[in-house]
Protein backbone atom coordinates (compact mmCIF):
# COMPACT_ATOMS: atom_id res chain seq x y z
CA MET A 1 38.03 11.24 3.83
CA SER A 2 37.92 7.81 4.87
CA SER A 3 40.34 5.47 3.42
CA ARG A 4 38.28 2.09 4.18
CA SER A 5 36.98 -0.14 1.43
CA LEU A 6 33.38 -0.28 1.51
CA ARG A 7 31.91 -4.00 1.02
CA ILE A 8 28.84 -3.60 -0.94
CA GLY A 9 26.40 -6.49 -2.02
CA VAL A 10 24.39 -6.56 -5.37
CA VAL A 11 21.05 -7.97 -5.13
CA GLY A 12 19.40 -8.52 -8.34
CA ALA A 13 21.61 -10.21 -11.26
CA GLY A 14 19.44 -8.55 -14.37
CA HIS A 15 20.19 -6.16 -16.86
CA PHE A 16 20.78 -2.90 -14.30
CA GLY A 17 22.37 -5.15 -11.35
CA ARG A 18 25.10 -5.95 -13.83
CA TYR A 19 25.94 -2.49 -14.66
CA HIS A 20 25.86 -1.95 -10.65
CA ALA A 21 28.18 -4.95 -9.82
CA LEU A 22 30.58 -3.91 -12.55
CA LYS A 23 30.63 -0.16 -10.97
CA VAL A 24 31.25 -1.78 -7.40
CA VAL A 25 34.22 -3.38 -8.94
CA ALA A 26 35.65 -0.25 -10.62
CA SER A 27 35.44 2.26 -7.95
CA PRO A 28 38.94 2.49 -5.39
CA ARG A 29 36.62 2.96 -2.44
CA THR A 30 34.42 -0.18 -2.73
CA ALA A 31 34.71 -3.88 -3.05
CA LEU A 32 31.76 -6.31 -4.23
CA SER A 33 31.19 -8.56 -1.42
CA GLY A 34 28.87 -10.93 -3.54
CA VAL A 35 25.89 -11.00 -5.90
CA ALA A 36 22.42 -12.65 -4.75
CA ASP A 37 19.58 -13.47 -7.11
CA VAL A 38 16.64 -15.89 -6.83
CA ASP A 39 17.77 -17.20 -10.21
CA THR A 40 21.17 -18.81 -8.85
CA GLU A 41 22.56 -19.72 -12.26
CA ARG A 42 22.03 -15.91 -13.21
CA ALA A 43 23.83 -15.01 -10.18
CA LYS A 44 26.40 -17.04 -10.88
CA THR A 45 27.11 -15.99 -14.29
CA LEU A 46 27.55 -12.07 -13.06
CA GLY A 47 29.53 -13.39 -10.31
CA TRP A 48 32.08 -14.96 -12.19
CA GLU A 49 31.94 -11.77 -14.34
CA ALA A 50 32.41 -9.30 -11.75
CA GLY A 51 35.05 -11.68 -9.67
CA ALA A 52 32.67 -12.12 -6.71
CA PRO A 53 30.81 -15.10 -5.14
CA ASP A 54 27.08 -15.75 -5.82
CA ARG A 55 25.29 -15.69 -2.18
CA THR A 56 21.95 -16.18 -0.81
CA PHE A 57 20.74 -12.70 0.58
CA ASP A 58 20.86 -13.60 3.86
CA ALA A 59 24.46 -14.52 3.28
CA LEU A 60 24.93 -11.41 1.37
CA LEU A 61 23.81 -9.46 4.23
CA ALA A 62 26.49 -11.22 6.58
CA VAL A 63 29.43 -10.08 4.61
CA SER A 64 28.32 -6.75 3.43
CA ASP A 65 28.34 -3.25 4.72
CA ALA A 66 26.05 -1.89 2.22
CA VAL A 67 23.67 -3.27 -0.53
CA ILE A 68 22.28 -2.04 -3.71
CA ILE A 69 18.50 -3.48 -4.56
CA ALA A 70 18.44 -3.81 -8.39
CA SER A 71 15.85 -6.63 -8.33
CA PRO A 72 12.22 -6.33 -9.40
CA ALA A 73 10.18 -3.28 -8.40
CA ASP A 74 7.72 -5.42 -6.54
CA THR A 75 10.75 -6.86 -4.21
CA HIS A 76 12.27 -3.52 -3.31
CA HIS A 77 10.65 -2.66 -0.33
CA ALA A 78 10.90 -6.09 1.34
CA LEU A 79 14.53 -6.46 0.58
CA ALA A 80 15.57 -2.76 1.37
CA ALA A 81 13.68 -3.24 4.86
CA ALA A 82 15.27 -6.62 5.76
CA ALA A 83 18.82 -5.01 4.98
CA LEU A 84 18.01 -2.00 6.87
CA ARG A 85 16.89 -3.83 9.75
CA ALA A 86 20.16 -5.88 9.66
CA GLY A 87 22.05 -2.97 9.96
CA LYS A 88 23.10 -2.31 6.48
CA HIS A 89 23.31 0.78 4.32
CA VAL A 90 21.09 0.64 1.34
CA LEU A 91 20.74 1.97 -2.19
CA VAL A 92 17.56 0.86 -3.64
CA GLU A 93 16.53 1.34 -7.46
CA LYS A 94 13.26 3.61 -8.17
CA PRO A 95 10.60 3.10 -7.25
CA MET A 96 11.61 2.67 -3.92
CA ALA A 97 8.44 1.12 -2.73
CA ALA A 98 4.79 0.39 -4.02
CA THR A 99 3.15 2.45 -1.27
CA LEU A 100 3.72 5.39 0.47
CA ALA A 101 3.25 3.54 3.88
CA GLU A 102 6.29 1.46 2.40
CA ALA A 103 8.46 4.21 1.66
CA GLU A 104 8.00 5.93 5.05
CA GLU A 105 8.82 2.68 6.58
CA LEU A 106 12.04 2.53 4.97
CA GLY A 107 12.90 6.07 5.85
CA ALA A 108 12.09 5.36 9.23
CA LEU A 109 14.14 2.43 9.51
CA ALA A 110 17.04 4.44 8.16
CA GLN A 111 16.89 7.06 10.68
CA THR A 112 16.17 4.85 13.48
CA ASN A 113 19.29 2.97 12.68
CA GLY A 114 21.62 5.73 11.66
CA LEU A 115 22.03 4.19 8.05
CA VAL A 116 22.23 5.62 4.71
CA LEU A 117 19.31 5.13 2.31
CA GLN A 118 19.76 6.20 -1.12
CA VAL A 119 17.06 6.04 -4.02
CA GLY A 120 18.29 5.47 -7.41
CA HIS A 121 17.35 8.32 -9.43
CA LEU A 122 20.17 8.51 -11.77
CA GLU A 123 19.42 11.56 -13.63
CA ARG A 124 20.17 13.70 -10.48
CA TYR A 125 23.98 12.47 -11.14
CA SER A 126 23.81 13.60 -15.07
CA ALA A 127 26.17 16.40 -15.77
CA ALA A 128 23.13 17.96 -18.05
CA PHE A 129 21.02 18.40 -14.71
CA ARG A 130 23.91 19.52 -12.54
CA ALA A 131 24.36 22.19 -15.00
CA LEU A 132 20.65 22.75 -15.49
CA GLU A 133 19.77 22.90 -12.09
CA GLY A 134 22.45 25.60 -11.18
CA LYS A 135 20.76 27.73 -14.09
CA VAL A 136 17.11 27.42 -13.45
CA VAL A 137 15.39 30.64 -11.45
CA ASN A 138 11.62 29.90 -10.66
CA PRO A 139 10.55 27.68 -13.56
CA LEU A 140 7.25 28.94 -15.14
CA TYR A 141 6.69 25.91 -17.48
CA ILE A 142 8.80 22.80 -18.02
CA GLU A 143 8.32 20.38 -20.90
CA ALA A 144 9.90 16.71 -20.35
CA THR A 145 9.97 13.82 -22.95
CA ARG A 146 11.35 10.32 -22.31
CA ILE A 147 10.92 7.81 -24.98
CA ALA A 148 12.43 4.68 -25.84
CA PRO A 149 11.94 1.71 -28.11
CA PHE A 150 10.21 -1.52 -26.48
CA LYS A 151 11.95 -3.90 -24.40
CA PRO A 152 10.44 -6.76 -22.14
CA ARG A 153 12.65 -5.42 -19.24
CA GLY A 154 11.01 -3.11 -16.76
CA THR A 155 7.26 -4.06 -17.93
CA ASP A 156 6.66 -5.39 -14.44
CA VAL A 157 5.57 -1.77 -13.81
CA SER A 158 3.86 0.77 -15.80
CA VAL A 159 5.73 3.31 -17.84
CA ILE A 160 5.04 5.74 -15.01
CA LEU A 161 7.28 3.75 -12.77
CA ASP A 162 9.52 2.86 -15.14
CA LEU A 163 10.38 5.95 -16.82
CA MET A 164 8.26 8.98 -16.13
CA ILE A 165 9.25 8.74 -12.62
CA HIS A 166 12.78 9.97 -13.70
CA ASP A 167 11.32 13.13 -14.94
CA LEU A 168 8.89 13.43 -12.09
CA ASP A 169 12.04 13.75 -9.60
CA LEU A 170 13.72 16.14 -11.64
CA VAL A 171 10.86 18.45 -12.13
CA LEU A 172 10.38 18.34 -8.26
CA ALA A 173 13.75 18.99 -7.89
CA LEU A 174 13.40 22.14 -9.95
CA VAL A 175 10.03 23.46 -8.75
CA ASP A 176 9.98 24.77 -5.10
CA SER A 177 6.12 24.08 -4.71
CA GLU A 178 3.89 21.52 -3.79
CA ILE A 179 1.64 19.95 -6.65
CA GLU A 180 -1.90 21.29 -6.77
CA SER A 181 -3.42 19.19 -9.30
CA VAL A 182 -2.65 16.23 -11.86
CA ASP A 183 -4.26 15.45 -15.18
CA ALA A 184 -2.96 12.29 -16.74
CA VAL A 185 -3.69 9.68 -19.72
CA GLY A 186 -2.24 7.00 -20.98
CA GLY A 187 -2.41 3.34 -22.40
CA ALA A 188 -1.24 -0.19 -22.61
CA VAL A 189 -0.06 -1.19 -26.00
CA ALA A 190 2.52 -3.86 -25.70
CA SER A 191 2.19 -5.22 -22.20
CA GLN A 192 -0.19 -5.41 -19.12
CA HIS A 193 0.72 -1.92 -17.91
CA GLU A 194 0.66 1.29 -19.45
CA ASP A 195 3.45 1.71 -21.99
CA ILE A 196 2.45 5.81 -22.91
CA ALA A 197 1.59 8.28 -20.47
CA ASN A 198 1.43 12.15 -20.35
CA ALA A 199 0.80 14.12 -17.24
CA ARG A 200 0.39 17.56 -16.66
CA LEU A 201 0.98 19.13 -13.36
CA ARG A 202 -0.02 22.19 -12.05
CA PHE A 203 1.88 23.59 -8.94
CA ARG A 204 0.67 25.78 -5.91
CA ASN A 205 2.73 28.53 -7.05
CA GLY A 206 1.50 28.53 -10.64
CA ALA A 207 4.15 26.44 -12.33
CA VAL A 208 3.25 24.08 -14.67
CA ALA A 209 4.85 20.72 -16.08
CA SER A 210 4.00 18.53 -19.01
CA ILE A 211 5.72 15.06 -18.84
CA THR A 212 5.53 12.33 -21.92
CA ALA A 213 6.87 9.11 -21.27
CA SER A 214 6.79 6.03 -23.90
CA ARG A 215 8.40 2.66 -24.04
CA ILE A 216 7.10 1.98 -27.72
CA SER A 217 8.95 4.63 -29.53
CA PRO A 218 11.22 3.81 -32.44
CA ARG A 219 13.86 6.10 -31.14
CA ILE A 220 15.37 7.00 -27.75
CA GLU A 221 14.87 10.87 -26.65
CA ARG A 222 15.27 12.47 -23.52
CA ARG A 223 14.71 15.79 -23.47
CA MET A 224 13.67 18.94 -21.00
CA ARG A 225 12.66 22.64 -21.78
CA ILE A 226 12.38 25.00 -19.13
CA PHE A 227 10.55 28.55 -19.52
CA ALA A 228 11.50 31.02 -16.90
CA GLN A 229 10.64 34.94 -16.78
CA ASP A 230 14.34 35.86 -18.08
CA ARG A 231 15.56 32.60 -19.87
CA TYR A 232 14.88 29.36 -21.43
CA LEU A 233 16.79 26.26 -21.23
CA ALA A 234 16.96 22.92 -23.38
CA ALA A 235 18.58 19.76 -22.27
CA ASP A 236 19.38 16.78 -24.26
CA PHE A 237 20.35 14.18 -21.62
CA ALA A 238 20.98 11.57 -24.21
CA ALA A 239 23.12 13.79 -26.04
CA ARG A 240 24.55 15.39 -22.99
CA LYS A 241 23.80 18.84 -24.09
CA LEU A 242 22.53 22.09 -22.46
CA THR A 243 21.42 25.04 -24.27
CA VAL A 244 20.75 28.22 -22.24
CA ILE A 245 19.21 31.53 -23.50
CA HIS A 246 18.94 34.33 -21.22
CA ARG A 247 19.51 38.44 -21.23
CA SER A 248 22.81 39.58 -22.03
CA GLY A 249 25.07 41.26 -19.25
CA THR A 250 24.19 39.18 -16.60
CA SER A 251 26.15 36.86 -14.36
CA ASP A 252 24.86 34.09 -16.55
CA ASP A 253 27.37 35.49 -19.41
CA THR A 254 30.58 33.42 -19.94
CA GLY A 255 33.21 33.86 -22.84
CA ASP A 256 31.34 31.10 -24.46
CA SER A 257 28.11 33.17 -24.72
CA MET A 258 27.02 34.30 -28.19
CA PRO A 259 24.35 36.73 -29.10
CA VAL A 260 20.86 35.14 -30.09
CA PRO A 261 20.51 36.14 -33.76
CA GLY A 262 17.62 38.38 -34.51
CA VAL A 263 16.73 38.88 -30.63
CA ALA A 264 18.00 41.78 -29.10
CA GLY A 265 19.58 41.86 -25.63
CA PHE A 266 19.69 38.13 -25.43
CA ALA A 267 22.74 35.68 -25.57
CA MET A 268 22.95 31.63 -26.06
CA GLU A 269 25.54 29.43 -24.52
CA ASP A 270 26.20 25.57 -25.59
CA VAL A 271 27.47 23.60 -22.99
CA SER A 272 28.40 19.68 -23.67
CA TRP A 273 30.12 16.71 -22.14
CA GLU A 274 32.13 14.33 -24.20
CA ASP A 275 31.65 11.87 -21.39
CA HIS A 276 29.69 11.69 -18.01
CA ASP A 277 29.50 8.32 -16.06
CA SER A 278 26.14 9.05 -14.11
CA LEU A 279 26.19 5.77 -12.62
CA ALA A 280 29.65 5.98 -11.31
CA ALA A 281 28.65 9.38 -9.97
CA GLU A 282 25.73 7.90 -8.09
CA HIS A 283 27.89 5.18 -6.54
CA ALA A 284 30.80 7.70 -5.33
CA ALA A 285 27.83 9.77 -3.77
CA PHE A 286 26.65 6.46 -1.97
CA ALA A 287 30.31 5.71 -0.84
CA ALA A 288 30.72 9.33 0.27
CA SER A 289 27.66 9.14 2.40
CA ILE A 290 28.66 6.38 4.45
CA LEU A 291 32.31 6.71 4.55
CA ASP A 292 32.54 10.45 4.83
CA GLY A 293 29.07 11.54 6.08
CA ALA A 294 28.37 13.52 3.26
CA PRO A 295 24.89 14.68 2.86
CA VAL A 296 22.35 11.89 0.96
CA LEU A 297 21.37 13.72 -2.24
CA VAL A 298 18.52 11.59 -3.16
CA ASP A 299 17.13 10.24 0.42
CA ALA A 300 14.07 8.64 1.30
CA THR A 301 12.33 12.33 1.66
CA VAL A 302 13.16 12.77 -2.06
CA GLY A 303 12.14 9.08 -3.07
CA ARG A 304 8.67 9.51 -1.28
CA ARG A 305 8.04 12.73 -2.94
CA ALA A 306 8.60 11.10 -6.54
CA LEU A 307 6.48 7.96 -5.62
CA ALA A 308 3.67 10.11 -4.53
CA ALA A 309 4.02 11.89 -7.84
CA ALA A 310 4.06 8.91 -9.65
CA LEU A 311 0.88 7.61 -7.83
CA ASP A 312 -1.05 10.75 -8.25
CA VAL A 313 -0.25 10.47 -12.10
CA ALA A 314 -1.54 6.96 -11.95
CA ARG A 315 -4.70 7.63 -10.07
CA SER A 316 -5.65 10.44 -12.68
CA MET A 317 -4.79 8.36 -15.41
CA GLN A 318 -7.46 5.74 -13.92
CA GLY A 319 -10.01 8.49 -13.75
CA SER A 320 -9.04 9.53 -17.24
CA ARG A 321 -9.79 5.97 -18.52
CA GLU A 322 -12.83 5.67 -16.67
CA LYS A 323 -14.27 8.74 -18.15
CA MET A 324 -13.27 7.48 -21.54
CA MET A 325 -15.16 4.26 -20.88
CA ALA A 326 -18.38 5.89 -19.67
CA SER A 327 -18.44 8.23 -22.93
CA GLY A 328 -17.66 5.30 -25.21
CA LEU A 329 -14.56 6.61 -26.30
CA ILE A 330 -12.58 3.60 -25.53
CA ALA A 331 -13.47 0.11 -24.97
CA GLY A 332 -13.17 -1.73 -21.34
CA GLY A 333 -10.04 -3.16 -20.04
CA HIS A 334 -6.59 -2.00 -21.65
């Protein structure tokens, strides 16, 4: 393991950029080389809080080994491409780009230049998903719900790219098959882009996933339920809790397993975590990939696949809207 301190710059001094900057400062393996933002006052404020100078983007590249792109979604591709061309490792927030061609270009730049390109699908690093992933075998049906109260932040893109893409990525990580079809509906309620969405994905192997996302809910809920041939799993990402029901007497049984009341031959296990910092885990993985050569868990291929699924959902949603307009079910526009 390398003992070298990695100089990381943060591009984007908004809500999530602030979290990234503070995590860089807190890690023993990284040092914050500066903060860049088109809003120079905001960059100065975050730089003062994190103890690092505000810089222009070009100046930040000159003093950094790597950068974290936490700017608005429509700038991700251009900034990440410039950083990769400058020979810098990149952690880019999701979505990694606006189109598949842009995503492929970023992947090619990273590969050609021998650089780490990691995409910020944060839930991959949550304790709930890590535990869930190890217990899922050939899922038949997945139901995911991710809802939250409305906030202006993130409304520069649809709820598909803002929230649903997290669960699209997780579903794709769990189902070892290509998507065969997508049926989606949604609508814009509080912004110019879709604020609610539901997508039903059917995979070539027969598995099905139903994913719901909303950013106009009165509460926060982040759940996933998985049905397999011999087990049922329920993950609550917000509460950091996982419940697994499986057949008794299998390798899944642990000392904490309990019989399921009224269901002979099945056992239940509840797993929970008092505290888990997914963002710190994501940062640690980024540093390990650069300094130690560790595999990139969420690389350009993974990011592109999630983006492709999100774009499929958007196309299906547009098709559903056109059918509804043609039938008179809804009026034109949003």
